[in-house]
């Protein structure tokens, strides 16, 4: 099993989630390549869908971190209500 990342503040939680996602992306790329070699196209397609979702989540996390930095914690949290 992988490491567990936890944060105590909203900023830390977002950073931990981003770190975890960034560790997962290369693993997904590797798994997709392995499926290609084995000609397992069903698993490859499933993993590609997961990869797309993870990449979108990385973009979202980066946006949230940017908003938090730009607005400050109080105003950022107000936007999350």
PDB file of N, CA and C in Angstrom:
ATOM      1  N   UNK A   1       0.835  -1.178   0.000  1.00  0.00           N
ATOM      2  CA  UNK A   1       0.000   0.000   0.000  1.00  0.00           C
ATOM      3  C   UNK A   1       0.882   1.244   0.000  1.00  0.00           C
ATOM      4  N   UNK A   2       0.334   2.297  -0.549  1.00  0.00           N
ATOM      5  CA  UNK A   2       1.062   3.556  -0.628  1.00  0.00           C
ATOM      6  C   UNK A   2       1.003   4.326   0.679  1.00  0.00           C
ATOM      7  N   UNK A   3       1.666   5.452   0.682  1.00  0.00           N
ATOM      8  CA  UNK A   3       1.685   6.315   1.858  1.00  0.00           C
ATOM      9  C   UNK A   3       0.341   7.003   2.019  1.00  0.00           C
ATOM     10  N   UNK A   4       0.036   7.329   3.245  1.00  0.00           N
ATOM     11  CA  UNK A   4      -1.165   8.087   3.558  1.00  0.00           C
ATOM     12  C   UNK A   4      -0.749   9.524   3.835  1.00  0.00           C
ATOM     13  N   UNK A   5      -1.311  10.449   3.100  1.00  0.00           N
ATOM     14  CA  UNK A   5      -1.010  11.862   3.291  1.00  0.00           C
ATOM     15  C   UNK A   5      -2.223  12.522   3.923  1.00  0.00           C
ATOM     16  N   UNK A   6      -1.983  13.222   5.006  1.00  0.00           N
ATOM     17  CA  UNK A   6      -3.077  13.942   5.658  1.00  0.00           C
ATOM     18  C   UNK A   6      -2.645  15.380   5.888  1.00  0.00           C
ATOM     19  N   UNK A   7      -3.593  16.238   5.918  1.00  0.00           N
ATOM     20  CA  UNK A   7      -3.327  17.645   6.174  1.00  0.00           C
ATOM     21  C   UNK A   7      -4.206  18.140   7.298  1.00  0.00           C
ATOM     22  N   UNK A   8      -3.747  19.155   7.968  1.00  0.00           N
ATOM     23  CA  UNK A   8      -4.519  19.715   9.076  1.00  0.00           C
ATOM     24  C   UNK A   8      -5.301  20.960   8.665  1.00  0.00           C
ATOM     25  N   UNK A   9      -4.863  21.634   7.626  1.00  0.00           N
ATOM     26  CA  UNK A   9      -5.555  22.833   7.155  1.00  0.00           C
ATOM     27  C   UNK A   9      -6.085  22.550   5.753  1.00  0.00           C
ATOM     28  N   UNK A  10      -7.037  23.353   5.278  1.00  0.00           N
ATOM     29  CA  UNK A  10      -7.527  23.151   3.919  1.00  0.00           C
ATOM     30  C   UNK A  10      -6.397  23.182   2.882  1.00  0.00           C
ATOM     31  N   UNK A  11      -5.450  24.076   3.049  1.00  0.00           N
ATOM     32  CA  UNK A  11      -4.309  24.174   2.136  1.00  0.00           C
ATOM     33  C   UNK A  11      -3.517  22.865   2.143  1.00  0.00           C
ATOM     34  N   UNK A  12      -3.233  22.341   3.326  1.00  0.00           N
ATOM     35  CA  UNK A  12      -2.471  21.103   3.436  1.00  0.00           C
ATOM     36  C   UNK A  12      -3.230  19.919   2.844  1.00  0.00           C
ATOM     37  N   UNK A  13      -4.538  19.889   3.033  1.00  0.00           N
ATOM     38  CA  UNK A  13      -5.350  18.805   2.480  1.00  0.00           C
ATOM     39  C   UNK A  13      -5.264  18.817   0.953  1.00  0.00           C
ATOM     40  N   UNK A  14      -5.402  19.990   0.363  1.00  0.00           N
ATOM     41  CA  UNK A  14      -5.298  20.105  -1.091  1.00  0.00           C
ATOM     42  C   UNK A  14      -3.907  19.706  -1.574  1.00  0.00           C
ATOM     43  N   UNK A  15      -2.874  20.143  -0.869  1.00  0.00           N
ATOM     44  CA  UNK A  15      -1.501  19.801  -1.251  1.00  0.00           C
ATOM     45  C   UNK A  15      -1.251  18.304  -1.151  1.00  0.00           C
ATOM     46  N   UNK A  16      -1.774  17.684  -0.098  1.00  0.00           N
ATOM     47  CA  UNK A  16      -1.613  16.232   0.062  1.00  0.00           C
ATOM     48  C   UNK A  16      -2.344  15.473  -1.042  1.00  0.00           C
ATOM     49  N   UNK A  17      -3.540  15.921  -1.371  1.00  0.00           N
ATOM     50  CA  UNK A  17      -4.283  15.277  -2.453  1.00  0.00           C
ATOM     51  C   UNK A  17      -3.533  15.411  -3.776  1.00  0.00           C
ATOM     52  N   UNK A  18      -2.979  16.582  -4.032  1.00  0.00           N
ATOM     53  CA  UNK A  18      -2.231  16.805  -5.266  1.00  0.00           C
ATOM     54  C   UNK A  18      -0.992  15.906  -5.313  1.00  0.00           C
ATOM     55  N   UNK A  19      -0.301  15.804  -4.201  1.00  0.00           N
ATOM     56  CA  UNK A  19       0.886  14.956  -4.136  1.00  0.00           C
ATOM     57  C   UNK A  19       0.528  13.506  -4.451  1.00  0.00           C
ATOM     58  N   UNK A  20      -0.559  13.030  -3.890  1.00  0.00           N
ATOM     59  CA  UNK A  20      -1.009  11.660  -4.137  1.00  0.00           C
ATOM     60  C   UNK A  20      -1.370  11.454  -5.603  1.00  0.00           C
ATOM     61  N   UNK A  21      -2.073  12.404  -6.179  1.00  0.00           N
ATOM     62  CA  UNK A  21      -2.448  12.311  -7.591  1.00  0.00           C
ATOM     63  C   UNK A  21      -1.216  12.300  -8.492  1.00  0.00           C
ATOM     64  N   UNK A  22      -0.237  13.136  -8.158  1.00  0.00           N
ATOM     65  CA  UNK A  22       0.979  13.208  -8.967  1.00  0.00           C
ATOM     66  C   UNK A  22       1.781  11.911  -8.893  1.00  0.00           C
ATOM     67  N   UNK A  23       1.673  11.187  -7.788  1.00  0.00           N
ATOM     68  CA  UNK A  23       2.323   9.888  -7.671  1.00  0.00           C
ATOM     69  C   UNK A  23       1.572   8.829  -8.467  1.00  0.00           C
ATOM     70  N   UNK A  24       0.262   8.977  -8.588  1.00  0.00           N
ATOM     71  CA  UNK A  24      -0.551   7.984  -9.284  1.00  0.00           C
ATOM     72  C   UNK A  24      -0.424   8.077 -10.803  1.00  0.00           C
ATOM     73  N   UNK A  25      -0.223   9.269 -11.341  1.00  0.00           N
ATOM     74  CA  UNK A  25      -0.190   9.451 -12.797  1.00  0.00           C
ATOM     75  C   UNK A  25       0.861   8.577 -13.485  1.00  0.00           C
ATOM     76  N   UNK A  26       2.115   8.553 -13.021  1.00  0.00           N
ATOM     77  CA  UNK A  26       3.097   7.692 -13.694  1.00  0.00           C
ATOM     78  C   UNK A  26       2.739   6.204 -13.609  1.00  0.00           C
ATOM     79  N   UNK A  27       2.132   5.804 -12.502  1.00  0.00           N
ATOM     80  CA  UNK A  27       1.722   4.415 -12.352  1.00  0.00           C
ATOM     81  C   UNK A  27       0.636   4.051 -13.355  1.00  0.00           C
ATOM     82  N   UNK A  28      -0.276   4.975 -13.582  1.00  0.00           N
ATOM     83  CA  UNK A  28      -1.328   4.726 -14.574  1.00  0.00           C
ATOM     84  C   UNK A  28      -0.746   4.639 -15.984  1.00  0.00           C
ATOM     85  N   UNK A  29       0.197   5.515 -16.292  1.00  0.00           N
ATOM     86  CA  UNK A  29       0.853   5.464 -17.601  1.00  0.00           C
ATOM     87  C   UNK A  29       1.569   4.123 -17.791  1.00  0.00           C
ATOM     88  N   UNK A  30       2.229   3.677 -16.747  1.00  0.00           N
ATOM     89  CA  UNK A  30       2.945   2.404 -16.796  1.00  0.00           C
ATOM     90  C   UNK A  30       1.967   1.236 -16.988  1.00  0.00           C
ATOM     91  N   UNK A  31       0.864   1.266 -16.274  1.00  0.00           N
ATOM     92  CA  UNK A  31      -0.137   0.204 -16.392  1.00  0.00           C
ATOM     93  C   UNK A  31      -0.757   0.186 -17.788  1.00  0.00           C
ATOM     94  N   UNK A  32      -0.991   1.356 -18.355  1.00  0.00           N
ATOM     95  CA  UNK A  32      -1.546   1.431 -19.717  1.00  0.00           C
ATOM     96  C   UNK A  32      -0.566   0.837 -20.718  1.00  0.00           C
ATOM     97  N   UNK A  33       0.715   1.151 -20.563  1.00  0.00           N
ATOM     98  CA  UNK A  33       1.741   0.596 -21.456  1.00  0.00           C
ATOM     99  C   UNK A  33       1.806  -0.926 -21.316  1.00  0.00           C
ATOM    100  N   UNK A  34       1.689  -1.407 -20.108  1.00  0.00           N
ATOM    101  CA  UNK A  34       1.705  -2.855 -19.869  1.00  0.00           C
ATOM    102  C   UNK A  34       0.506  -3.524 -20.553  1.00  0.00           C
ATOM    103  N   UNK A  35      -0.649  -2.906 -20.468  1.00  0.00           N
ATOM    104  CA  UNK A  35      -1.847  -3.448 -21.126  1.00  0.00           C
ATOM    105  C   UNK A  35      -1.664  -3.482 -22.638  1.00  0.00           C
ATOM    106  N   UNK A  36      -1.022  -2.455 -23.174  1.00  0.00           N
ATOM    107  CA  UNK A  36      -0.739  -2.418 -24.617  1.00  0.00           C
ATOM    108  C   UNK A  36       0.136  -3.606 -25.014  1.00  0.00           C
ATOM    109  N   UNK A  37       1.187  -3.836 -24.234  1.00  0.00           N
ATOM    110  CA  UNK A  37       2.100  -4.937 -24.539  1.00  0.00           C
ATOM    111  C   UNK A  37       1.385  -6.285 -24.496  1.00  0.00           C
ATOM    112  N   UNK A  38       0.478  -6.437 -23.548  1.00  0.00           N
ATOM    113  CA  UNK A  38      -0.255  -7.700 -23.388  1.00  0.00           C
ATOM    114  C   UNK A  38      -1.488  -7.774 -24.285  1.00  0.00           C
ATOM    115  N   UNK A  39      -1.742  -6.732 -25.019  1.00  0.00           N
ATOM    116  CA  UNK A  39      -2.911  -6.614 -25.888  1.00  0.00           C
ATOM    117  C   UNK A  39      -4.217  -6.764 -25.102  1.00  0.00           C
ATOM    118  N   UNK A  40      -4.209  -6.221 -23.894  1.00  0.00           N
ATOM    119  CA  UNK A  40      -5.399  -6.210 -23.048  1.00  0.00           C
ATOM    120  C   UNK A  40      -6.065  -4.847 -23.221  1.00  0.00           C
ATOM    121  N   UNK A  41      -6.843  -4.732 -24.265  1.00  0.00           N
ATOM    122  CA  UNK A  41      -7.402  -3.439 -24.644  1.00  0.00           C
ATOM    123  C   UNK A  41      -8.577  -3.013 -23.765  1.00  0.00           C
ATOM    124  N   UNK A  42      -9.264  -3.967 -23.170  1.00  0.00           N
ATOM    125  CA  UNK A  42     -10.370  -3.617 -22.271  1.00  0.00           C
ATOM    126  C   UNK A  42      -9.814  -2.938 -21.019  1.00  0.00           C
ATOM    127  N   UNK A  43      -8.804  -3.549 -20.409  1.00  0.00           N
ATOM    128  CA  UNK A  43      -8.186  -2.949 -19.222  1.00  0.00           C
ATOM    129  C   UNK A  43      -7.536  -1.619 -19.575  1.00  0.00           C
ATOM    130  N   UNK A  44      -6.900  -1.555 -20.739  1.00  0.00           N
ATOM    131  CA  UNK A  44      -6.271  -0.307 -21.173  1.00  0.00           C
ATOM    132  C   UNK A  44      -7.302   0.810 -21.254  1.00  0.00           C
ATOM    133  N   UNK A  45      -8.454   0.518 -21.855  1.00  0.00           N
ATOM    134  CA  UNK A  45      -9.505   1.528 -21.979  1.00  0.00           C
ATOM    135  C   UNK A  45     -10.004   1.987 -20.610  1.00  0.00           C
ATOM    136  N   UNK A  46     -10.154   1.043 -19.681  1.00  0.00           N
ATOM    137  CA  UNK A  46     -10.582   1.410 -18.327  1.00  0.00           C
ATOM    138  C   UNK A  46      -9.541   2.301 -17.654  1.00  0.00           C
ATOM    139  N   UNK A  47      -8.273   1.935 -17.798  1.00  0.00           N
ATOM    140  CA  UNK A  47      -7.202   2.725 -17.200  1.00  0.00           C
ATOM    141  C   UNK A  47      -7.087   4.096 -17.849  1.00  0.00           C
ATOM    142  N   UNK A  48      -7.317   4.184 -19.144  1.00  0.00           N
ATOM    143  CA  UNK A  48      -7.283   5.485 -19.816  1.00  0.00           C
ATOM    144  C   UNK A  48      -8.390   6.396 -19.298  1.00  0.00           C
ATOM    145  N   UNK A  49      -9.556   5.818 -19.020  1.00  0.00           N
ATOM    146  CA  UNK A  49     -10.640   6.604 -18.430  1.00  0.00           C
ATOM    147  C   UNK A  49     -10.265   7.104 -17.039  1.00  0.00           C
ATOM    148  N   UNK A  50      -9.639   6.231 -16.270  1.00  0.00           N
ATOM    149  CA  UNK A  50      -9.180   6.613 -14.938  1.00  0.00           C
ATOM    150  C   UNK A  50      -8.120   7.700 -15.031  1.00  0.00           C
ATOM    151  N   UNK A  51      -7.193   7.554 -15.978  1.00  0.00           N
ATOM    152  CA  UNK A  51      -6.143   8.548 -16.177  1.00  0.00           C
ATOM    153  C   UNK A  51      -6.739   9.914 -16.507  1.00  0.00           C
ATOM    154  N   UNK A  52      -7.721   9.923 -17.379  1.00  0.00           N
ATOM    155  CA  UNK A  52      -8.379  11.184 -17.744  1.00  0.00           C
ATOM    156  C   UNK A  52      -9.007  11.838 -16.511  1.00  0.00           C
ATOM    157  N   UNK A  53      -9.691  11.042 -15.704  1.00  0.00           N
ATOM    158  CA  UNK A  53     -10.304  11.564 -14.479  1.00  0.00           C
ATOM    159  C   UNK A  53      -9.253  12.117 -13.516  1.00  0.00           C
ATOM    160  N   UNK A  54      -8.155  11.389 -13.370  1.00  0.00           N
ATOM    161  CA  UNK A  54      -7.089  11.820 -12.462  1.00  0.00           C
ATOM    162  C   UNK A  54      -6.449  13.120 -12.947  1.00  0.00           C
ATOM    163  N   UNK A  55      -6.236  13.240 -14.256  1.00  0.00           N
ATOM    164  CA  UNK A  55      -5.657  14.464 -14.806  1.00  0.00           C
ATOM    165  C   UNK A  55      -6.588  15.656 -14.586  1.00  0.00           C
ATOM    166  N   UNK A  56      -7.884  15.428 -14.732  1.00  0.00           N
ATOM    167  CA  UNK A  56      -8.847  16.494 -14.460  1.00  0.00           C
ATOM    168  C   UNK A  56      -8.828  16.879 -12.984  1.00  0.00           C
ATOM    169  N   UNK A  57      -8.672  15.885 -12.119  1.00  0.00           N
ATOM    170  CA  UNK A  57      -8.618  16.162 -10.684  1.00  0.00           C
ATOM    171  C   UNK A  57      -7.356  16.955 -10.334  1.00  0.00           C
ATOM    172  N   UNK A  58      -6.240  16.639 -10.978  1.00  0.00           N
ATOM    173  CA  UNK A  58      -5.004  17.402 -10.772  1.00  0.00           C
ATOM    174  C   UNK A  58      -5.226  18.861 -11.163  1.00  0.00           C
ATOM    175  N   UNK A  59      -5.857  19.090 -12.302  1.00  0.00           N
ATOM    176  CA  UNK A  59      -6.141  20.465 -12.736  1.00  0.00           C
ATOM    177  C   UNK A  59      -7.018  21.190 -11.719  1.00  0.00           C
ATOM    178  N   UNK A  60      -8.044  20.495 -11.227  1.00  0.00           N
ATOM    179  CA  UNK A  60      -8.947  21.093 -10.247  1.00  0.00           C
ATOM    180  C   UNK A  60      -8.195  21.440  -8.969  1.00  0.00           C
ATOM    181  N   UNK A  61      -7.364  20.510  -8.488  1.00  0.00           N
ATOM    182  CA  UNK A  61      -6.597  20.757  -7.265  1.00  0.00           C
ATOM    183  C   UNK A  61      -5.665  21.948  -7.437  1.00  0.00           C
ATOM    184  N   UNK A  62      -4.997  22.037  -8.580  1.00  0.00           N
ATOM    185  CA  UNK A  62      -4.109  23.164  -8.835  1.00  0.00           C
ATOM    186  C   UNK A  62      -4.897  24.477  -8.858  1.00  0.00           C
ATOM    187  N   UNK A  63      -6.084  24.451  -9.429  1.00  0.00           N
ATOM    188  CA  UNK A  63      -6.936  25.647  -9.445  1.00  0.00           C
ATOM    189  C   UNK A  63      -7.331  26.055  -8.032  1.00  0.00           C
ATOM    190  N   UNK A  64      -7.700  25.070  -7.217  1.00  0.00           N
ATOM    191  CA  UNK A  64      -8.105  25.361  -5.845  1.00  0.00           C
ATOM    192  C   UNK A  64      -6.940  25.925  -5.039  1.00  0.00           C
ATOM    193  N   UNK A  65      -5.760  25.359  -5.227  1.00  0.00           N
ATOM    194  CA  UNK A  65      -4.579  25.880  -4.534  1.00  0.00           C
ATOM    195  C   UNK A  65      -4.276  27.311  -4.977  1.00  0.00           C
ATOM    196  N   UNK A  66      -4.441  27.576  -6.265  1.00  0.00           N
ATOM    197  CA  UNK A  66      -4.231  28.930  -6.769  1.00  0.00           C
ATOM    198  C   UNK A  66      -5.238  29.914  -6.209  1.00  0.00           C
ATOM    199  N   UNK A  67      -6.499  29.498  -6.152  1.00  0.00           N
ATOM    200  CA  UNK A  67      -7.535  30.364  -5.571  1.00  0.00           C
ATOM    201  C   UNK A  67      -7.263  30.633  -4.102  1.00  0.00           C
ATOM    202  N   UNK A  68      -6.879  29.605  -3.383  1.00  0.00           N
ATOM    203  CA  UNK A  68      -6.584  29.756  -1.961  1.00  0.00           C
ATOM    204  C   UNK A  68      -5.448  30.755  -1.763  1.00  0.00           C
ATOM    205  N   UNK A  69      -4.430  30.654  -2.595  1.00  0.00           N
ATOM    206  CA  UNK A  69      -3.292  31.565  -2.490  1.00  0.00           C
ATOM    207  C   UNK A  69      -3.701  32.999  -2.862  1.00  0.00           C
ATOM    208  N   UNK A  70      -4.497  33.110  -3.922  1.00  0.00           N
ATOM    209  CA  UNK A  70      -4.885  34.435  -4.421  1.00  0.00           C
ATOM    210  C   UNK A  70      -5.880  35.137  -3.501  1.00  0.00           C
ATOM    211  N   UNK A  71      -6.870  34.387  -3.025  1.00  0.00           N
ATOM    212  CA  UNK A  71      -7.938  34.986  -2.221  1.00  0.00           C
ATOM    213  C   UNK A  71      -7.621  35.046  -0.733  1.00  0.00           C
ATOM    214  N   UNK A  72      -6.780  34.163  -0.272  1.00  0.00           N
ATOM    215  CA  UNK A  72      -6.573  34.005   1.169  1.00  0.00           C
ATOM    216  C   UNK A  72      -7.545  32.960   1.685  1.00  0.00           C
ATOM    217  N   UNK A  73      -7.203  32.346   2.787  1.00  0.00           N
ATOM    218  CA  UNK A  73      -7.982  31.220   3.302  1.00  0.00           C
ATOM    219  C   UNK A  73      -9.433  31.582   3.593  1.00  0.00           C
ATOM    220  N   UNK A  74      -9.684  32.697   4.272  1.00  0.00           N
ATOM    221  CA  UNK A  74     -11.055  33.049   4.644  1.00  0.00           C
ATOM    222  C   UNK A  74     -11.958  33.209   3.421  1.00  0.00           C
ATOM    223  N   UNK A  75     -11.511  33.979   2.456  1.00  0.00           N
ATOM    224  CA  UNK A  75     -12.335  34.195   1.264  1.00  0.00           C
ATOM    225  C   UNK A  75     -12.458  32.911   0.437  1.00  0.00           C
ATOM    226  N   UNK A  76     -11.379  32.135   0.372  1.00  0.00           N
ATOM    227  CA  UNK A  76     -11.439  30.872  -0.364  1.00  0.00           C
ATOM    228  C   UNK A  76     -12.498  29.957   0.251  1.00  0.00           C
ATOM    229  N   UNK A  77     -12.492  29.841   1.573  1.00  0.00           N
ATOM    230  CA  UNK A  77     -13.466  28.978   2.234  1.00  0.00           C
ATOM    231  C   UNK A  77     -14.891  29.474   2.016  1.00  0.00           C
ATOM    232  N   UNK A  78     -15.083  30.771   1.926  1.00  0.00           N
ATOM    233  CA  UNK A  78     -16.421  31.307   1.643  1.00  0.00           C
ATOM    234  C   UNK A  78     -16.916  30.863   0.269  1.00  0.00           C
ATOM    235  N   UNK A  79     -15.994  30.738  -0.684  1.00  0.00           N
ATOM    236  CA  UNK A  79     -16.411  30.302  -2.026  1.00  0.00           C
ATOM    237  C   UNK A  79     -16.804  28.833  -2.047  1.00  0.00           C
ATOM    238  N   UNK A  80     -16.452  28.102  -1.016  1.00  0.00           N
ATOM    239  CA  UNK A  80     -16.719  26.665  -0.974  1.00  0.00           C
ATOM    240  C   UNK A  80     -18.048  26.333  -0.289  1.00  0.00           C
ATOM    241  N   UNK A  81     -18.739  27.350   0.182  1.00  0.00           N
ATOM    242  CA  UNK A  81     -20.020  27.123   0.872  1.00  0.00           C
ATOM    243  C   UNK A  81     -21.090  26.818  -0.148  1.00  0.00           C
TER     244      UNK A  81
END
